[in-house]
Amino acid sequence: MPAVLVPGHAIKETLHDSTNSIVVRAVREADGTPVILKILKEEYPSPSRVARFKREFEVTRNLTFAGVIDVYSVERSGRRWMMCIEEYGGDSLRRLGLAGNLELRDFLQLASSIVGVLDQLARRRVMHKDINPANIVLNPDTGVVKLIISLYEVLDAETDSRREAKLVARADLEEGMKWYFDRGFAAALPHLEAAKAAAGDDRVASAFLGRAQAYMEQPPSADWEGFEALDYK
């Protein structure tokens, strides 16, 4: 991907460059706030890819405790989609190059902090599925450790039969969310209804079904991007 230009932001450096996205450190020009921007590389990503990106935002935004990197907004930037993320002065363990260079006491303290964050996630029924040095962020000056949530699974305390039903309903749920985020609320309804019926009173399917029904009666504003509020916190 060529040099990144993001309207309203001054790019300082590239932190991570993968097949699907690029992550940069930037400053929001309106108020001088340091932020991290995660930008999808595709200029015209598929509706399902945008839906997954927004779902990643929604799940992370609902994890309101100190051990997870905060997210502020998800929005279009020209032809691409980007997520605006908290910048708290940390850097990934990969970039810091700490492997094999820590004293035992420092290593144990870091490990304890990571386990503590994972415990908080487990208490909220979220399983992090990509623990690696690129997704663990440390501020060397304060010692504060936070995780980046990009690959996850939301778990429920439920029976095996219900979990199996949710797997069956997943295709309908993803199709319904794709139409929902593309403002195709009428097309989304049968898929969301099918997902809810297959998985019982599934909270995600129920939530999106309720929103789709409400927007059928009163369409959202022209600048709606999939959430009721996407303002900076």
Foldseek 3Di string as FASTA:
>chain_A
DPDDDFPQKAFDAWQDDDPFWTKTWIARNVPRHTWIKIKTPDLADALLVVLLVVVLLVVQCVLPDQQAWHWQFWADGRSIIMTITDDPQKHFCVVVVCVPPDDPVLVVLLVVLVVVSQVSCVVQQKHQDDDDRRQWIARVVVRRIHGYRNDIDRGDPDDPQLVVLLVVLVVLQSVLSSCVQVVNLVVSQVSLVSNCVSNPNDPSSVVSNVVSVVCVVPPDDPRDRRDPDRGGD
